[in-house]
Protein backbone atom coordinates (compact mmCIF):
# COMPACT_ATOMS: atom_id res chain seq x y z
CA MET A 1 1.76 15.10 -29.02
CA LYS A 2 4.38 16.75 -27.18
CA LEU A 3 4.49 17.36 -23.51
CA GLN A 4 5.96 20.33 -22.08
CA SER A 5 4.19 20.54 -18.73
CA PRO A 6 6.28 21.72 -15.69
CA GLN A 7 6.44 18.27 -13.91
CA PHE A 8 8.26 17.15 -17.06
CA GLN A 9 10.75 20.04 -17.06
CA ALA A 10 11.29 19.54 -13.41
CA LEU A 11 12.51 15.77 -14.31
CA PHE A 12 15.60 17.05 -16.05
CA THR A 13 18.28 17.44 -13.17
CA PRO A 14 21.77 17.30 -13.66
CA GLY A 15 22.10 13.67 -13.27
CA LEU A 16 19.29 13.23 -16.00
CA ARG A 17 21.06 15.50 -18.47
CA SER A 18 24.61 13.72 -17.83
CA VAL A 19 22.48 10.41 -18.49
CA ALA A 20 20.91 11.76 -21.95
CA GLU A 21 24.22 13.07 -22.85
CA LEU A 22 25.90 9.74 -22.76
CA PHE A 23 22.88 8.00 -24.38
CA GLU A 24 22.61 10.58 -27.23
CA LYS A 25 26.58 10.52 -27.91
CA LYS A 26 26.75 6.75 -28.49
CA ASN A 27 23.29 6.90 -30.86
CA TYR A 28 21.39 5.03 -28.46
CA GLU A 29 17.56 5.55 -27.63
CA LEU A 30 16.35 6.57 -23.96
CA ARG A 31 12.93 7.16 -23.22
CA ILE A 32 10.85 7.47 -20.14
CA ALA A 33 8.52 4.23 -19.37
CA GLY A 34 5.21 2.70 -17.87
CA GLY A 35 3.90 4.26 -15.02
CA ALA A 36 5.85 7.80 -14.87
CA VAL A 37 4.45 8.56 -18.36
CA ARG A 38 0.88 7.96 -17.18
CA ASP A 39 1.68 10.01 -14.02
CA LEU A 40 3.10 12.79 -15.92
CA LEU A 41 0.12 12.71 -18.83
CA SER A 42 -2.17 12.97 -15.49
CA GLY A 43 -0.25 16.17 -14.44
CA MET A 44 0.94 14.61 -11.52
CA THR A 45 5.14 14.08 -10.64
CA PRO A 46 5.92 10.46 -10.97
CA GLN A 47 7.59 8.98 -7.58
CA ASP A 48 10.01 6.82 -9.13
CA ILE A 49 11.15 6.97 -13.05
CA ASP A 50 12.10 3.68 -15.49
CA PHE A 51 13.53 4.48 -18.76
CA ALA A 52 14.13 2.17 -21.69
CA THR A 53 16.70 2.00 -24.17
CA THR A 54 17.71 0.43 -27.49
CA ALA A 55 20.89 -0.25 -25.94
CA THR A 56 22.12 -3.81 -24.64
CA PRO A 57 23.23 -4.26 -20.82
CA ALA A 58 26.38 -4.98 -21.68
CA GLU A 59 26.44 -1.78 -24.22
CA MET A 60 25.23 0.35 -21.22
CA LYS A 61 27.86 -1.28 -18.84
CA GLU A 62 30.51 -0.59 -21.50
CA MET A 63 29.38 3.27 -22.03
CA PHE A 64 28.94 3.97 -18.32
CA THR A 65 32.49 2.25 -17.52
CA SER A 66 34.12 4.04 -19.73
CA ALA A 67 32.65 7.36 -18.65
CA GLY A 68 33.60 6.57 -14.82
CA VAL A 69 29.88 6.30 -14.12
CA ARG A 70 29.27 4.16 -10.89
CA LEU A 71 26.90 1.23 -11.25
CA ILE A 72 24.82 -0.19 -8.37
CA ASN A 73 22.68 -3.59 -7.72
CA ASN A 74 23.60 -5.46 -10.35
CA LYS A 75 20.12 -8.06 -9.37
CA GLY A 76 18.75 -7.02 -12.56
CA GLU A 77 21.35 -7.49 -15.67
CA LYS A 78 19.78 -10.61 -16.23
CA HIS A 79 16.02 -8.98 -16.86
CA GLY A 80 17.98 -6.35 -18.77
CA THR A 81 18.26 -3.68 -16.06
CA ILE A 82 20.91 -1.28 -15.17
CA THR A 83 21.16 1.19 -12.31
CA ALA A 84 23.61 4.04 -12.77
CA ARG A 85 24.34 6.20 -10.14
CA LEU A 86 25.19 10.08 -11.26
CA HIS A 87 24.78 13.10 -9.23
CA GLU A 88 23.48 11.87 -6.36
CA GLU A 89 20.58 10.11 -7.85
CA ASN A 90 20.01 6.52 -9.56
CA PHE A 91 18.60 5.80 -12.81
CA GLU A 92 17.02 2.49 -13.99
CA ILE A 93 17.15 1.95 -17.29
CA THR A 94 15.97 -1.63 -19.13
CA THR A 95 16.68 -2.58 -22.59
CA LEU A 96 13.91 -3.43 -24.69
CA ARG A 97 12.40 -6.85 -24.35
CA ILE A 98 10.26 -9.56 -25.92
CA ASP A 99 8.83 -12.18 -23.73
CA VAL A 100 10.13 -15.60 -25.12
CA VAL A 101 8.39 -18.04 -22.53
CA THR A 102 6.18 -17.33 -19.82
CA ASP A 103 4.79 -19.42 -17.31
CA GLY A 104 2.10 -17.10 -15.20
CA ARG A 105 4.87 -16.31 -12.98
CA HIS A 106 8.24 -15.31 -14.25
CA ALA A 107 9.33 -14.49 -18.04
CA GLU A 108 12.41 -15.49 -20.21
CA VAL A 109 13.07 -12.15 -22.20
CA GLU A 110 15.29 -11.99 -25.37
CA PHE A 111 16.35 -8.01 -26.12
CA THR A 112 15.17 -6.21 -28.96
CA THR A 113 14.98 -2.74 -30.52
CA ASP A 114 11.67 -2.74 -31.41
CA TRP A 115 9.77 -0.30 -29.24
CA GLU A 116 6.35 -1.58 -30.37
CA LYS A 117 7.21 -4.86 -29.21
CA ASP A 118 8.25 -3.82 -25.60
CA ALA A 119 4.82 -1.85 -25.29
CA GLU A 120 3.26 -5.35 -26.51
CA ARG A 121 4.12 -7.02 -23.59
CA ARG A 122 3.12 -4.55 -20.67
CA ASP A 123 0.15 -5.39 -18.75
CA LEU A 124 -2.36 -2.37 -19.72
CA THR A 125 -2.58 0.40 -22.34
CA VAL A 126 -2.14 3.09 -19.72
CA ASN A 127 1.01 1.69 -18.79
CA SER A 128 2.64 1.14 -22.32
CA MET A 129 3.49 4.54 -23.21
CA PHE A 130 6.94 6.13 -23.69
CA LEU A 131 7.78 9.47 -23.55
CA GLY A 132 11.04 10.76 -25.36
CA LEU A 133 13.14 13.32 -23.52
CA ASP A 134 12.38 15.46 -26.26
CA GLY A 135 8.60 15.42 -24.63
CA MET A 136 7.19 13.08 -27.86
CA LEU A 137 4.86 10.59 -26.91
CA TYR A 138 5.14 7.09 -28.25
CA ASP A 139 1.59 5.16 -27.57
CA PHE A 140 1.20 1.92 -29.62
CA PHE A 141 -1.89 0.98 -27.73
CA ASN A 142 -4.14 4.13 -27.46
CA GLY A 143 -3.04 4.35 -23.69
CA TYR A 144 -3.39 8.11 -23.69
CA GLU A 145 -6.53 7.90 -24.95
CA ASP A 146 -7.69 5.38 -22.42
CA LEU A 147 -6.53 7.56 -19.68
CA LYS A 148 -8.38 10.98 -20.66
CA ASN A 149 -11.75 8.55 -20.67
CA LYS A 150 -10.46 6.74 -17.37
CA LYS A 151 -10.49 3.44 -19.21
CA ILE A 152 -8.66 0.53 -17.84
CA ARG A 153 -7.93 -2.19 -20.84
CA PHE A 154 -5.25 -4.75 -20.89
CA VAL A 155 -2.84 -4.20 -23.97
CA GLY A 156 -3.98 -6.61 -26.61
CA LYS A 157 -6.05 -9.49 -25.72
CA ALA A 158 -6.93 -9.51 -21.91
CA ASN A 159 -6.86 -13.52 -21.47
CA GLU A 160 -2.99 -13.39 -23.49
CA ARG A 161 -1.92 -10.73 -21.03
CA ILE A 162 -2.91 -12.48 -17.81
CA GLN A 163 -1.77 -15.60 -18.57
CA GLU A 164 1.93 -14.16 -18.89
CA ASP A 165 1.35 -13.29 -15.65
CA TYR A 166 -1.60 -13.80 -13.05
CA LEU A 167 -0.96 -10.98 -10.68
CA ARG A 168 -2.23 -8.76 -13.54
CA ILE A 169 -5.56 -9.76 -12.52
CA LEU A 170 -5.03 -7.65 -9.18
CA ARG A 171 -2.66 -4.87 -11.12
CA TYR A 172 -5.82 -4.68 -13.34
CA PHE A 173 -8.32 -3.80 -10.22
CA ARG A 174 -5.60 -1.63 -8.59
CA PHE A 175 -5.15 0.95 -11.60
CA TYR A 176 -9.37 0.64 -11.96
CA GLY A 177 -9.28 1.98 -8.31
CA ARG A 178 -6.67 4.63 -9.03
CA ILE A 179 -7.99 5.75 -12.64
CA ALA A 180 -11.68 4.92 -13.21
CA GLU A 181 -14.61 7.34 -12.60
CA LYS A 182 -17.27 5.31 -11.38
CA PRO A 183 -17.67 1.36 -10.16
CA GLY A 184 -18.95 -1.05 -13.07
CA ASP A 185 -17.20 0.49 -15.80
CA HIS A 186 -15.49 -2.47 -17.30
CA GLU A 187 -15.31 -4.33 -20.53
CA PRO A 188 -17.66 -7.55 -20.09
CA SER A 189 -14.59 -9.48 -22.04
CA THR A 190 -12.26 -8.70 -19.78
CA LEU A 191 -14.40 -9.58 -16.46
CA GLN A 192 -14.71 -13.10 -18.45
CA ALA A 193 -11.15 -13.15 -19.15
CA ILE A 194 -10.23 -12.35 -15.39
CA LYS A 195 -12.90 -15.23 -14.34
CA GLU A 196 -11.45 -17.69 -16.60
CA ASN A 197 -7.55 -17.35 -15.32
CA ALA A 198 -8.60 -16.68 -11.27
CA LYS A 199 -7.17 -19.95 -10.48
CA GLY A 200 -3.86 -19.06 -12.06
CA LEU A 201 -3.45 -16.50 -8.83
CA ALA A 202 -3.13 -19.82 -6.70
CA GLY A 203 0.46 -20.22 -8.07
CA ILE A 204 1.38 -16.17 -7.44
CA SER A 205 3.60 -15.73 -4.00
CA GLY A 206 1.31 -14.52 -1.37
CA GLU A 207 4.16 -11.14 -0.85
CA ARG A 208 3.40 -10.47 -4.52
CA ILE A 209 -0.48 -10.48 -3.96
CA TRP A 210 -0.41 -8.35 -0.55
CA VAL A 211 1.19 -5.83 -2.58
CA GLU A 212 -1.12 -4.89 -4.72
CA LEU A 213 -4.25 -5.87 -2.46
CA LYS A 214 -3.18 -3.44 -0.07
CA LYS A 215 -3.08 -0.84 -2.92
CA ILE A 216 -6.56 -2.00 -3.75
CA LEU A 217 -8.11 -1.79 -0.19
CA VAL A 218 -6.85 2.19 0.19
CA GLY A 219 -8.04 3.49 -3.49
CA ASN A 220 -11.31 4.23 -4.64
CA HIS A 221 -14.15 1.69 -5.37
CA VAL A 222 -12.91 -0.58 -2.95
CA ASN A 223 -16.33 -1.63 -1.88
CA HIS A 224 -17.05 -2.48 -5.80
CA LEU A 225 -13.84 -4.31 -6.63
CA VAL A 226 -13.83 -6.56 -3.69
CA ARG A 227 -17.15 -7.67 -4.52
CA LEU A 228 -16.24 -8.31 -7.62
CA MET A 229 -13.38 -10.63 -6.35
CA TYR A 230 -16.33 -12.81 -5.14
CA GLU A 231 -18.27 -12.70 -8.01
CA LEU A 232 -15.22 -13.50 -10.47
CA ASN A 233 -13.81 -16.01 -7.70
CA ILE A 234 -10.78 -14.65 -6.99
CA ALA A 235 -11.22 -14.51 -3.01
CA GLU A 236 -10.54 -18.24 -2.41
CA TYR A 237 -7.03 -18.01 -4.38
CA ILE A 238 -5.78 -14.82 -2.20
CA GLY A 239 -6.45 -15.51 1.16
CA LEU A 240 -10.02 -13.77 1.75
CA PRO A 241 -12.50 -16.01 3.66
CA LEU A 242 -14.92 -17.93 1.51
CA ASP A 243 -17.91 -16.63 3.22
CA GLY A 244 -16.72 -13.03 3.85
CA SER A 245 -18.78 -10.61 5.67
CA LEU A 246 -19.90 -8.74 3.07
CA GLU A 247 -22.57 -6.82 5.04
CA GLU A 248 -20.30 -5.70 7.46
CA PHE A 249 -18.07 -4.73 4.92
CA ASP A 250 -20.18 -2.49 3.38
CA ARG A 251 -21.28 -0.75 6.44
CA VAL A 252 -17.18 -0.48 7.17
CA THR A 253 -16.32 1.08 3.55
CA LYS A 254 -19.12 3.70 3.99
CA ASN A 255 -17.21 4.46 7.57
CA ILE A 256 -13.79 4.89 6.22
CA GLN A 257 -14.43 7.30 3.73
CA ASN A 258 -11.95 10.13 4.01
CA LEU A 259 -10.39 8.71 7.27
CA CYS A 260 -7.33 7.00 5.75
CA PRO A 261 -7.49 3.73 7.15
CA LYS A 262 -4.73 1.17 7.34
CA PRO A 263 -5.27 -1.55 4.43
CA MET A 264 -6.08 -4.25 7.15
CA THR A 265 -8.52 -2.21 8.88
CA VAL A 266 -10.52 -2.38 5.48
CA LEU A 267 -9.97 -6.27 5.14
CA ALA A 268 -10.93 -6.77 8.73
CA SER A 269 -14.47 -6.37 8.34
CA LEU A 270 -14.76 -9.49 6.03
CA PHE A 271 -13.26 -11.22 8.73
CA LYS A 272 -16.01 -12.86 10.85
CA VAL A 273 -13.40 -15.22 13.73
CA LYS A 274 -9.85 -14.93 14.17
CA ASP A 275 -8.98 -18.03 11.95
CA ASP A 276 -9.58 -15.71 9.20
CA VAL A 277 -7.06 -13.61 10.25
CA THR A 278 -4.58 -16.29 10.88
CA ASN A 279 -5.79 -17.96 7.00
CA LEU A 280 -4.99 -14.67 5.45
CA ASP A 281 -1.62 -14.64 7.29
CA LEU A 282 -0.64 -18.40 6.19
CA ARG A 283 -1.52 -17.58 2.34
CA LEU A 284 -0.09 -13.44 2.35
CA LYS A 285 2.82 -13.61 4.91
CA ILE A 286 1.65 -10.10 5.91
CA SER A 287 3.76 -8.38 8.86
CA LYS A 288 3.42 -9.27 12.51
CA GLU A 289 1.91 -5.67 13.03
CA GLU A 290 -0.61 -6.69 10.29
CA LYS A 291 -1.90 -9.58 11.81
CA ASN A 292 -2.08 -8.05 15.35
CA LEU A 293 -4.09 -5.55 14.17
CA GLY A 294 -6.46 -7.51 12.39
CA LEU A 295 -6.69 -9.75 15.61
CA PHE A 296 -7.26 -6.84 17.64
CA LEU A 297 -10.33 -5.44 15.39
CA VAL A 298 -12.32 -8.64 14.89
CA LYS A 299 -11.79 -9.16 18.79
CA HIS A 300 -12.65 -5.48 19.88
CA ARG A 301 -14.77 -4.04 17.25
CA GLN A 302 -18.18 -4.96 19.03
CA GLU A 303 -17.76 -4.48 22.68
CA LEU A 304 -15.09 -1.75 22.82
CA THR A 305 -17.54 1.03 21.79
CA LYS A 306 -18.41 4.95 22.48
CA ALA A 307 -19.71 5.31 26.17
CA VAL A 308 -23.27 7.30 26.45
CA GLY A 309 -22.91 10.31 28.23
CA THR A 310 -20.54 13.49 28.44
CA GLU A 311 -17.25 11.36 27.76
CA PRO A 312 -18.04 9.09 24.86
CA LEU A 313 -13.88 8.85 24.23
CA ARG A 314 -13.55 7.16 27.96
CA PRO A 315 -13.74 3.67 26.88
CA TYR A 316 -10.98 3.95 24.22
CA GLN A 317 -9.03 5.88 26.77
CA ASP A 318 -9.28 3.30 29.54
CA PHE A 319 -8.25 0.59 27.14
CA ILE A 320 -5.18 2.72 26.41
CA MET A 321 -4.12 3.18 29.93
CA ASP A 322 -4.62 -0.03 30.85
CA SER A 323 -2.87 -1.72 28.11
CA ARG A 324 0.68 -3.05 28.57
CA GLU A 325 1.42 -2.82 24.26
CA ALA A 326 3.69 -0.16 22.91
CA ASN A 327 1.19 0.68 20.11
CA THR A 328 -2.09 0.41 21.40
CA ASN A 329 -3.16 4.04 20.63
CA SER A 330 -2.52 3.31 16.81
CA LYS A 331 -4.92 0.58 16.90
CA ILE A 332 -7.40 2.10 18.93
CA CYS A 333 -7.06 4.94 15.90
CA GLU A 334 -8.15 2.46 13.66
CA LEU A 335 -10.84 0.84 15.73
CA LEU A 336 -12.11 4.29 15.27
CA LYS A 337 -12.20 4.58 11.44
CA TYR A 338 -13.68 1.32 11.16
CA GLN A 339 -16.46 2.30 13.56
CA GLY A 340 -16.98 5.53 11.50
CA GLU A 341 -16.15 7.70 14.64
CA GLU A 342 -14.44 10.24 13.26
CA HIS A 343 -15.34 13.13 15.62
CA LEU A 344 -13.83 10.98 18.59
CA LEU A 345 -10.58 10.18 16.35
CA ARG A 346 -9.78 13.67 15.84
CA GLU A 347 -10.40 14.18 19.68
CA LEU A 348 -8.16 11.03 20.56
CA GLN A 349 -5.29 12.03 18.11
CA GLU A 350 -5.52 15.51 20.15
CA TRP A 351 -5.27 13.94 23.67
CA THR A 352 -1.91 13.43 25.33
CA VAL A 353 -1.63 9.98 27.34
CA PRO A 354 -0.92 11.06 30.61
CA SER A 355 1.69 9.93 33.08
CA PHE A 356 0.68 8.36 36.46
CA PRO A 357 1.98 11.04 39.02
CA VAL A 358 2.99 8.28 41.97
CA SER A 359 5.74 6.35 42.09
CA GLY A 360 6.89 3.62 44.59
CA HIS A 361 9.69 6.19 45.41
CA ASP A 362 6.89 8.53 46.83
CA LEU A 363 5.01 5.51 48.95
CA ARG A 364 8.57 4.59 50.64
CA LYS A 365 9.19 8.44 51.70
CA MET A 366 5.31 8.03 53.39
CA GLY A 367 6.30 4.98 55.05
CA VAL A 368 5.12 1.83 53.07
CA SER A 369 7.81 -0.35 53.04
CA SER A 370 7.11 -3.62 51.50
CA GLY A 371 7.13 -4.52 47.81
CA LYS A 372 3.87 -5.84 48.13
CA GLU A 373 1.94 -3.42 49.89
CA ILE A 374 3.51 -0.91 47.45
CA GLY A 375 2.46 -2.83 44.43
CA THR A 376 -1.50 -2.93 46.13
CA ALA A 377 -1.29 0.69 46.89
CA LEU A 378 -0.29 1.97 43.60
CA GLN A 379 -2.84 -0.42 42.00
CA GLN A 380 -5.55 1.35 44.29
CA LEU A 381 -4.37 4.55 43.48
CA ARG A 382 -4.51 3.94 39.94
CA GLU A 383 -8.08 2.79 40.20
CA GLU A 384 -8.71 6.40 41.66
CA TRP A 385 -6.85 8.28 39.19
CA LYS A 386 -8.98 6.44 36.61
CA LYS A 387 -12.01 7.64 38.48
CA SER A 388 -11.16 11.02 38.54
CA GLY A 389 -10.68 10.89 34.49
CA TYR A 390 -6.76 10.97 35.07
CA HIS A 391 -7.19 14.17 36.39
CA MET A 392 -5.60 13.69 40.04
CA ASP A 393 -2.02 14.92 41.05
CA LYS A 394 0.30 13.76 43.20
CA GLU A 395 -0.58 15.63 45.88
CA GLU A 396 -4.43 14.58 45.70
CA LEU A 397 -3.65 10.98 45.29
CA LEU A 398 -1.25 10.95 48.29
CA SER A 399 -3.81 12.33 50.44
CA CYS A 400 -6.27 9.77 49.18
CA LEU A 401 -3.56 7.11 50.17
CA LYS A 402 -3.99 8.01 53.78
CA LYS A 403 -7.79 7.49 53.96
CA LEU A 404 -7.30 4.31 52.16
């Protein structure tokens, strides 16, 4: 088939036209590869585009240098990737490869000119397609068929693909959450291969696991996929608590639908105690902000809840006003998502944190001189201000001070 969609046509910037001309002149084949092909076939505009070619890195370097094209970031060169910069755009182009040796984490590669051999070493059928710059689709493993049927399958034998890089287990889940229509539509042999190889994830770095896990947590079918991680014995190797609270997880995954939670907000529902967050951090090296959010949710999810009566949002507002930390507001928003309080979340997002209208300077003008007295008076006035729902202005508060 030939693709001629508007999304495909839009890729042809002056930069890409120049790159295509250079490759054509030298008779090297150049095609779009992997995820960008999948996105284009789904009618989406790809976020970033990888290219594959029959030219070796040395041939590309020679061609680009002769044409006066700037090359940047030579880190990918040993894996066969050259990054060229034309017309303010970066083009990442990788020589076709076959894996010679794999250890479950990294691969030693050798270059090839065989497109099918390169497709064979990719993880999933939907990621193994190429698209010529004329729109021609090259699909050796029925990836397009799988994409149309919303099926996620490994290229060739699941067992072999997983053992080449155990992180592919999580990539399978991530793309399942992105493409599959309903939960539970897996090939039994794929799940069996995942279960048999789950232990291999123990050797994968925490940072790589966390990148995939975060995408799973904010994708579709998250409840089904995380339960599957427990059933297939994956959880223990990726830092999740062995006795994760799956009932709470069920409740929270219903609460957060359509609320765009942060990954940690979803994950926190599995944690029973603060140590669960600490253990996750030890395994996955999460950011300080993510760790703090996890600890915050575990600590406050039960006792910080809406008030009965006319001002249900007040406990959350009071918490923000009393807090000395900068990002309390965003943590409270995540707590409201966790609790499924969509209405209150909207209200809080529209609320502007008011500024306390009285300063020490105002009190000095009224004759309060000692620092200690000023501190005490300000504290008392803050309490009065809080009781008024943060509505009292400077005049009202200062007249209140006279009474105090």
